[in-house]
Amino acid sequence: MSAKDKDQKLISEKLGDIKTRLDQLEAMLSNGPYAIGAAFTFADCALIPTMFFANLLMPMLGEPSPT
């Protein structure tokens, strides 16, 4: 991701979308110890690679990791 190839306007728009979705996800996860209630499910497993990717991508775009 070369700096000269980045569309800063598009990046800013999409980062806003990502932050909104992460806030929504955090609100949904605040109701219990796991994604869908009291038991660990595949939904929790699906979050692991998503958050791993977000933790790598966000700093590359100049934002802090969402952890």
PDB file of N, CA and C in Angstrom:
ATOM      1  N   MET A   1       0.839  -1.174   0.000  1.00  0.00           N
ATOM      2  CA  MET A   1       0.000   0.000   0.000  1.00  0.00           C
ATOM      3  C   MET A   1       0.883   1.235   0.000  1.00  0.00           C
ATOM      4  N   SER A   2       1.279   1.614  -1.164  1.00  0.00           N
ATOM      5  CA  SER A   2       2.117   2.787  -1.325  1.00  0.00           C
ATOM      6  C   SER A   2       1.337   4.052  -0.988  1.00  0.00           C
ATOM      7  N   ALA A   3       1.969   4.972  -0.300  1.00  0.00           N
ATOM      8  CA  ALA A   3       1.315   6.219   0.098  1.00  0.00           C
ATOM      9  C   ALA A   3       0.811   7.007  -1.111  1.00  0.00           C
ATOM     10  N   LYS A   4       1.529   6.946  -2.218  1.00  0.00           N
ATOM     11  CA  LYS A   4       1.098   7.710  -3.396  1.00  0.00           C
ATOM     12  C   LYS A   4      -0.141   7.118  -4.049  1.00  0.00           C
ATOM     13  N   ASP A   5      -0.437   5.853  -3.758  1.00  0.00           N
ATOM     14  CA  ASP A   5      -1.600   5.193  -4.344  1.00  0.00           C
ATOM     15  C   ASP A   5      -2.852   5.280  -3.476  1.00  0.00           C
ATOM     16  N   LYS A   6      -2.754   5.856  -2.301  1.00  0.00           N
ATOM     17  CA  LYS A   6      -3.895   5.908  -1.386  1.00  0.00           C
ATOM     18  C   LYS A   6      -4.840   7.049  -1.736  1.00  0.00           C
ATOM     19  N   ASP A   7      -6.110   6.745  -1.739  1.00  0.00           N
ATOM     20  CA  ASP A   7      -7.161   7.743  -1.913  1.00  0.00           C
ATOM     21  C   ASP A   7      -7.624   8.131  -0.505  1.00  0.00           C
ATOM     22  N   GLN A   8      -7.073   9.215   0.023  1.00  0.00           N
ATOM     23  CA  GLN A   8      -7.325   9.594   1.420  1.00  0.00           C
ATOM     24  C   GLN A   8      -8.805   9.867   1.695  1.00  0.00           C
ATOM     25  N   LYS A   9      -9.506  10.430   0.741  1.00  0.00           N
ATOM     26  CA  LYS A   9     -10.929  10.700   0.940  1.00  0.00           C
ATOM     27  C   LYS A   9     -11.693   9.390   1.103  1.00  0.00           C
ATOM     28  N   LEU A  10     -11.429   8.437   0.236  1.00  0.00           N
ATOM     29  CA  LEU A  10     -12.087   7.138   0.314  1.00  0.00           C
ATOM     30  C   LEU A  10     -11.710   6.411   1.602  1.00  0.00           C
ATOM     31  N   ILE A  11     -10.447   6.471   1.968  1.00  0.00           N
ATOM     32  CA  ILE A  11      -9.992   5.827   3.199  1.00  0.00           C
ATOM     33  C   ILE A  11     -10.713   6.423   4.401  1.00  0.00           C
ATOM     34  N   SER A  12     -10.823   7.739   4.454  1.00  0.00           N
ATOM     35  CA  SER A  12     -11.511   8.397   5.570  1.00  0.00           C
ATOM     36  C   SER A  12     -12.972   7.972   5.650  1.00  0.00           C
ATOM     37  N   GLU A  13     -13.636   7.900   4.496  1.00  0.00           N
ATOM     38  CA  GLU A  13     -15.044   7.472   4.473  1.00  0.00           C
ATOM     39  C   GLU A  13     -15.191   6.044   4.975  1.00  0.00           C
ATOM     40  N   LYS A  14     -14.346   5.160   4.490  1.00  0.00           N
ATOM     41  CA  LYS A  14     -14.444   3.745   4.867  1.00  0.00           C
ATOM     42  C   LYS A  14     -14.028   3.518   6.314  1.00  0.00           C
ATOM     43  N   LEU A  15     -13.056   4.282   6.811  1.00  0.00           N
ATOM     44  CA  LEU A  15     -12.688   4.174   8.218  1.00  0.00           C
ATOM     45  C   LEU A  15     -13.850   4.588   9.115  1.00  0.00           C
ATOM     46  N   GLY A  16     -14.583   5.596   8.691  1.00  0.00           N
ATOM     47  CA  GLY A  16     -15.774   5.995   9.434  1.00  0.00           C
ATOM     48  C   GLY A  16     -16.789   4.869   9.486  1.00  0.00           C
ATOM     49  N   ASP A  17     -16.980   4.199   8.342  1.00  0.00           N
ATOM     50  CA  ASP A  17     -17.896   3.050   8.300  1.00  0.00           C
ATOM     51  C   ASP A  17     -17.419   1.928   9.217  1.00  0.00           C
ATOM     52  N   ILE A  18     -16.122   1.646   9.172  1.00  0.00           N
ATOM     53  CA  ILE A  18     -15.564   0.579  10.007  1.00  0.00           C
ATOM     54  C   ILE A  18     -15.740   0.913  11.479  1.00  0.00           C
ATOM     55  N   LYS A  19     -15.452   2.148  11.857  1.00  0.00           N
ATOM     56  CA  LYS A  19     -15.597   2.549  13.264  1.00  0.00           C
ATOM     57  C   LYS A  19     -17.055   2.429  13.721  1.00  0.00           C
ATOM     58  N   THR A  20     -17.985   2.802  12.854  1.00  0.00           N
ATOM     59  CA  THR A  20     -19.408   2.663  13.188  1.00  0.00           C
ATOM     60  C   THR A  20     -19.758   1.207  13.426  1.00  0.00           C
ATOM     61  N   ARG A  21     -19.301   0.328  12.538  1.00  0.00           N
ATOM     62  CA  ARG A  21     -19.601  -1.104  12.675  1.00  0.00           C
ATOM     63  C   ARG A  21     -18.937  -1.702  13.902  1.00  0.00           C
ATOM     64  N   LEU A  22     -17.721  -1.268  14.203  1.00  0.00           N
ATOM     65  CA  LEU A  22     -17.052  -1.767  15.408  1.00  0.00           C
ATOM     66  C   LEU A  22     -17.783  -1.306  16.674  1.00  0.00           C
ATOM     67  N   ASP A  23     -18.288  -0.085  16.660  1.00  0.00           N
ATOM     68  CA  ASP A  23     -19.083   0.402  17.793  1.00  0.00           C
ATOM     69  C   ASP A  23     -20.362  -0.411  17.946  1.00  0.00           C
ATOM     70  N   GLN A  24     -21.010  -0.731  16.820  1.00  0.00           N
ATOM     71  CA  GLN A  24     -22.219  -1.555  16.868  1.00  0.00           C
ATOM     72  C   GLN A  24     -21.900  -2.955  17.389  1.00  0.00           C
ATOM     73  N   LEU A  25     -20.798  -3.514  16.933  1.00  0.00           N
ATOM     74  CA  LEU A  25     -20.385  -4.836  17.397  1.00  0.00           C
ATOM     75  C   LEU A  25     -20.103  -4.815  18.893  1.00  0.00           C
ATOM     76  N   GLU A  26     -19.413  -3.795  19.361  1.00  0.00           N
ATOM     77  CA  GLU A  26     -19.126  -3.680  20.786  1.00  0.00           C
ATOM     78  C   GLU A  26     -20.408  -3.595  21.606  1.00  0.00           C
ATOM     79  N   ALA A  27     -21.380  -2.846  21.130  1.00  0.00           N
ATOM     80  CA  ALA A  27     -22.659  -2.732  21.833  1.00  0.00           C
ATOM     81  C   ALA A  27     -23.368  -4.082  21.897  1.00  0.00           C
ATOM     82  N   MET A  28     -23.323  -4.835  20.806  1.00  0.00           N
ATOM     83  CA  MET A  28     -23.970  -6.148  20.783  1.00  0.00           C
ATOM     84  C   MET A  28     -23.264  -7.138  21.709  1.00  0.00           C
ATOM     85  N   LEU A  29     -21.950  -7.033  21.807  1.00  0.00           N
ATOM     86  CA  LEU A  29     -21.180  -7.970  22.626  1.00  0.00           C
ATOM     87  C   LEU A  29     -21.204  -7.616  24.109  1.00  0.00           C
ATOM     88  N   SER A  30     -21.660  -6.436  24.443  1.00  0.00           N
ATOM     89  CA  SER A  30     -21.647  -6.014  25.845  1.00  0.00           C
ATOM     90  C   SER A  30     -22.746  -6.676  26.679  1.00  0.00           C
ATOM     91  N   ASN A  31     -23.658  -7.395  26.012  1.00  0.00           N
ATOM     92  CA  ASN A  31     -24.761  -8.022  26.742  1.00  0.00           C
ATOM     93  C   ASN A  31     -24.414  -9.363  27.364  1.00  0.00           C
ATOM     94  N   GLY A  32     -23.307  -9.932  27.024  1.00  0.00           N
ATOM     95  CA  GLY A  32     -22.979 -11.234  27.582  1.00  0.00           C
ATOM     96  C   GLY A  32     -21.505 -11.553  27.422  1.00  0.00           C
ATOM     97  N   PRO A  33     -21.113 -12.660  27.984  1.00  0.00           N
ATOM     98  CA  PRO A  33     -19.700 -13.004  27.886  1.00  0.00           C
ATOM     99  C   PRO A  33     -19.291 -13.468  26.490  1.00  0.00           C
ATOM    100  N   TYR A  34     -20.258 -13.864  25.676  1.00  0.00           N
ATOM    101  CA  TYR A  34     -19.970 -14.348  24.325  1.00  0.00           C
ATOM    102  C   TYR A  34     -20.853 -13.625  23.308  1.00  0.00           C
ATOM    103  N   ALA A  35     -20.594 -13.859  22.042  1.00  0.00           N
ATOM    104  CA  ALA A  35     -21.282 -13.131  20.974  1.00  0.00           C
ATOM    105  C   ALA A  35     -22.793 -13.328  20.982  1.00  0.00           C
ATOM    106  N   ILE A  36     -23.230 -14.550  21.264  1.00  0.00           N
ATOM    107  CA  ILE A  36     -24.665 -14.829  21.200  1.00  0.00           C
ATOM    108  C   ILE A  36     -25.166 -15.355  22.543  1.00  0.00           C
ATOM    109  N   GLY A  37     -24.724 -14.759  23.609  1.00  0.00           N
ATOM    110  CA  GLY A  37     -25.257 -15.164  24.912  1.00  0.00           C
ATOM    111  C   GLY A  37     -24.236 -15.797  25.831  1.00  0.00           C
ATOM    112  N   ALA A  38     -24.700 -16.808  26.560  1.00  0.00           N
ATOM    113  CA  ALA A  38     -23.890 -17.387  27.628  1.00  0.00           C
ATOM    114  C   ALA A  38     -22.977 -18.523  27.175  1.00  0.00           C
ATOM    115  N   ALA A  39     -23.097 -18.965  25.933  1.00  0.00           N
ATOM    116  CA  ALA A  39     -22.293 -20.088  25.453  1.00  0.00           C
ATOM    117  C   ALA A  39     -21.370 -19.656  24.311  1.00  0.00           C
ATOM    118  N   PHE A  40     -20.188 -20.236  24.289  1.00  0.00           N
ATOM    119  CA  PHE A  40     -19.234 -20.008  23.207  1.00  0.00           C
ATOM    120  C   PHE A  40     -19.749 -20.721  21.959  1.00  0.00           C
ATOM    121  N   THR A  41     -19.853 -19.996  20.830  1.00  0.00           N
ATOM    122  CA  THR A  41     -20.403 -20.566  19.594  1.00  0.00           C
ATOM    123  C   THR A  41     -19.489 -20.249  18.407  1.00  0.00           C
ATOM    124  N   PHE A  42     -19.908 -20.711  17.226  1.00  0.00           N
ATOM    125  CA  PHE A  42     -19.167 -20.387  16.013  1.00  0.00           C
ATOM    126  C   PHE A  42     -19.153 -18.881  15.742  1.00  0.00           C
ATOM    127  N   ALA A  43     -20.117 -18.164  16.245  1.00  0.00           N
ATOM    128  CA  ALA A  43     -20.119 -16.701  16.085  1.00  0.00           C
ATOM    129  C   ALA A  43     -18.878 -16.095  16.726  1.00  0.00           C
ATOM    130  N   ASP A  44     -18.504 -16.611  17.880  1.00  0.00           N
ATOM    131  CA  ASP A  44     -17.285 -16.136  18.549  1.00  0.00           C
ATOM    132  C   ASP A  44     -16.053 -16.490  17.717  1.00  0.00           C
ATOM    133  N   CYS A  45     -16.058 -17.678  17.139  1.00  0.00           N
ATOM    134  CA  CYS A  45     -14.944 -18.103  16.283  1.00  0.00           C
ATOM    135  C   CYS A  45     -14.822 -17.204  15.055  1.00  0.00           C
ATOM    136  N   ALA A  46     -15.938 -16.778  14.514  1.00  0.00           N
ATOM    137  CA  ALA A  46     -15.931 -15.922  13.328  1.00  0.00           C
ATOM    138  C   ALA A  46     -15.356 -14.540  13.637  1.00  0.00           C
ATOM    139  N   LEU A  47     -15.480 -14.096  14.865  1.00  0.00           N
ATOM    140  CA  LEU A  47     -14.959 -12.780  15.239  1.00  0.00           C
ATOM    141  C   LEU A  47     -13.432 -12.752  15.311  1.00  0.00           C
ATOM    142  N   ILE A  48     -12.824 -13.881  15.591  1.00  0.00           N
ATOM    143  CA  ILE A  48     -11.371 -13.916  15.776  1.00  0.00           C
ATOM    144  C   ILE A  48     -10.619 -13.457  14.533  1.00  0.00           C
ATOM    145  N   PRO A  49     -10.848 -14.042  13.345  1.00  0.00           N
ATOM    146  CA  PRO A  49     -10.093 -13.545  12.181  1.00  0.00           C
ATOM    147  C   PRO A  49     -10.478 -12.121  11.783  1.00  0.00           C
ATOM    148  N   THR A  50     -11.716 -11.744  12.015  1.00  0.00           N
ATOM    149  CA  THR A  50     -12.148 -10.380  11.696  1.00  0.00           C
ATOM    150  C   THR A  50     -11.368  -9.369  12.539  1.00  0.00           C
ATOM    151  N   MET A  51     -11.281  -9.622  13.824  1.00  0.00           N
ATOM    152  CA  MET A  51     -10.567  -8.695  14.709  1.00  0.00           C
ATOM    153  C   MET A  51      -9.062  -8.742  14.467  1.00  0.00           C
ATOM    154  N   PHE A  52      -8.539  -9.921  14.143  1.00  0.00           N
ATOM    155  CA  PHE A  52      -7.114 -10.040  13.810  1.00  0.00           C
ATOM    156  C   PHE A  52      -6.800  -9.149  12.603  1.00  0.00           C
ATOM    157  N   PHE A  53      -7.639  -9.241  11.567  1.00  0.00           N
ATOM    158  CA  PHE A  53      -7.454  -8.431  10.368  1.00  0.00           C
ATOM    159  C   PHE A  53      -7.586  -6.943  10.681  1.00  0.00           C
ATOM    160  N   ALA A  54      -8.571  -6.575  11.479  1.00  0.00           N
ATOM    161  CA  ALA A  54      -8.773  -5.167  11.844  1.00  0.00           C
ATOM    162  C   ALA A  54      -7.570  -4.629  12.610  1.00  0.00           C
ATOM    163  N   ASN A  55      -6.985  -5.450  13.486  1.00  0.00           N
ATOM    164  CA  ASN A  55      -5.816  -5.020  14.255  1.00  0.00           C
ATOM    165  C   ASN A  55      -4.597  -4.802  13.367  1.00  0.00           C
ATOM    166  N   LEU A  56      -4.529  -5.484  12.238  1.00  0.00           N
ATOM    167  CA  LEU A  56      -3.433  -5.272  11.298  1.00  0.00           C
ATOM    168  C   LEU A  56      -3.708  -4.108  10.356  1.00  0.00           C
ATOM    169  N   LEU A  57      -4.930  -4.020   9.871  1.00  0.00           N
ATOM    170  CA  LEU A  57      -5.281  -3.043   8.843  1.00  0.00           C
ATOM    171  C   LEU A  57      -5.372  -1.611   9.366  1.00  0.00           C
ATOM    172  N   MET A  58      -5.999  -1.427  10.496  1.00  0.00           N
ATOM    173  CA  MET A  58      -6.234  -0.069  11.001  1.00  0.00           C
ATOM    174  C   MET A  58      -4.932   0.726  11.157  1.00  0.00           C
ATOM    175  N   PRO A  59      -3.878   0.183  11.778  1.00  0.00           N
ATOM    176  CA  PRO A  59      -2.636   0.953  11.877  1.00  0.00           C
ATOM    177  C   PRO A  59      -2.003   1.261  10.509  1.00  0.00           C
ATOM    178  N   MET A  60      -2.217   0.374   9.541  1.00  0.00           N
ATOM    179  CA  MET A  60      -1.680   0.627   8.200  1.00  0.00           C
ATOM    180  C   MET A  60      -2.355   1.847   7.563  1.00  0.00           C
ATOM    181  N   LEU A  61      -3.557   2.154   8.023  1.00  0.00           N
ATOM    182  CA  LEU A  61      -4.313   3.301   7.496  1.00  0.00           C
ATOM    183  C   LEU A  61      -4.260   4.507   8.419  1.00  0.00           C
ATOM    184  N   GLY A  62      -3.366   4.448   9.419  1.00  0.00           N
ATOM    185  CA  GLY A  62      -3.170   5.596  10.299  1.00  0.00           C
ATOM    186  C   GLY A  62      -4.095   5.679  11.478  1.00  0.00           C
ATOM    187  N   GLU A  63      -4.780   4.594  11.812  1.00  0.00           N
ATOM    188  CA  GLU A  63      -5.705   4.570  12.948  1.00  0.00           C
ATOM    189  C   GLU A  63      -5.212   3.576  13.988  1.00  0.00           C
ATOM    190  N   PRO A  64      -5.592   3.771  15.251  1.00  0.00           N
ATOM    191  CA  PRO A  64      -5.195   2.798  16.275  1.00  0.00           C
ATOM    192  C   PRO A  64      -5.952   1.482  16.109  1.00  0.00           C
ATOM    193  N   SER A  65      -5.377   0.419  16.630  1.00  0.00           N
ATOM    194  CA  SER A  65      -6.036  -0.884  16.612  1.00  0.00           C
ATOM    195  C   SER A  65      -7.300  -0.829  17.448  1.00  0.00           C
ATOM    196  N   PRO A  66      -8.335  -1.561  17.058  1.00  0.00           N
ATOM    197  CA  PRO A  66      -9.600  -1.505  17.794  1.00  0.00           C
ATOM    198  C   PRO A  66      -9.633  -2.342  19.064  1.00  0.00           C
ATOM    199  N   THR A  67      -8.519  -2.766  19.572  1.00  0.00           N
ATOM    200  CA  THR A  67      -8.500  -3.588  20.787  1.00  0.00           C
ATOM    201  C   THR A  67      -8.727  -2.796  22.032  1.00  0.00           C
TER     202      THR A  67
END
